[in-house]
């Protein structure tokens, strides 16, 4: 089973950039659909971006489209979320999530219930 750990969070000024990484342990990382979600203060967890196990397709929330880029490197068991043109409303705890393509359930990239593995989260604060 894959275990997930996020890194790269921190404090950045509006308009700045951050890169979040999610490192996955385990030898079957390439069999997992991967997603990023975030939870702003006092709000529900929301979808940010996702990428299929085959790297054939990526998905983005409308609020981050054109600013965030998601990629994966199966050779080093890592997914990376490059975040540019950050805004104060991007402030949140960011979570990496995974679902095995062998889970037997339909993959819903936009929903938290589409994933059965989660990292502990990384804080991103956008403030001047």
Foldseek 3Di string as FASTA:
>chain_A
DKAKAKDWADEAAAQAKTKIKIAIDDLPLLQKKKFKWWDAPPGDIWGAKIAHSVNPDIDGDPVQPPFWDWDDDSVRRMIMIIGGRDDQVVWTWMKMFIDGPPPPDDADRGDPVNGDHIHPTGTHGHHD
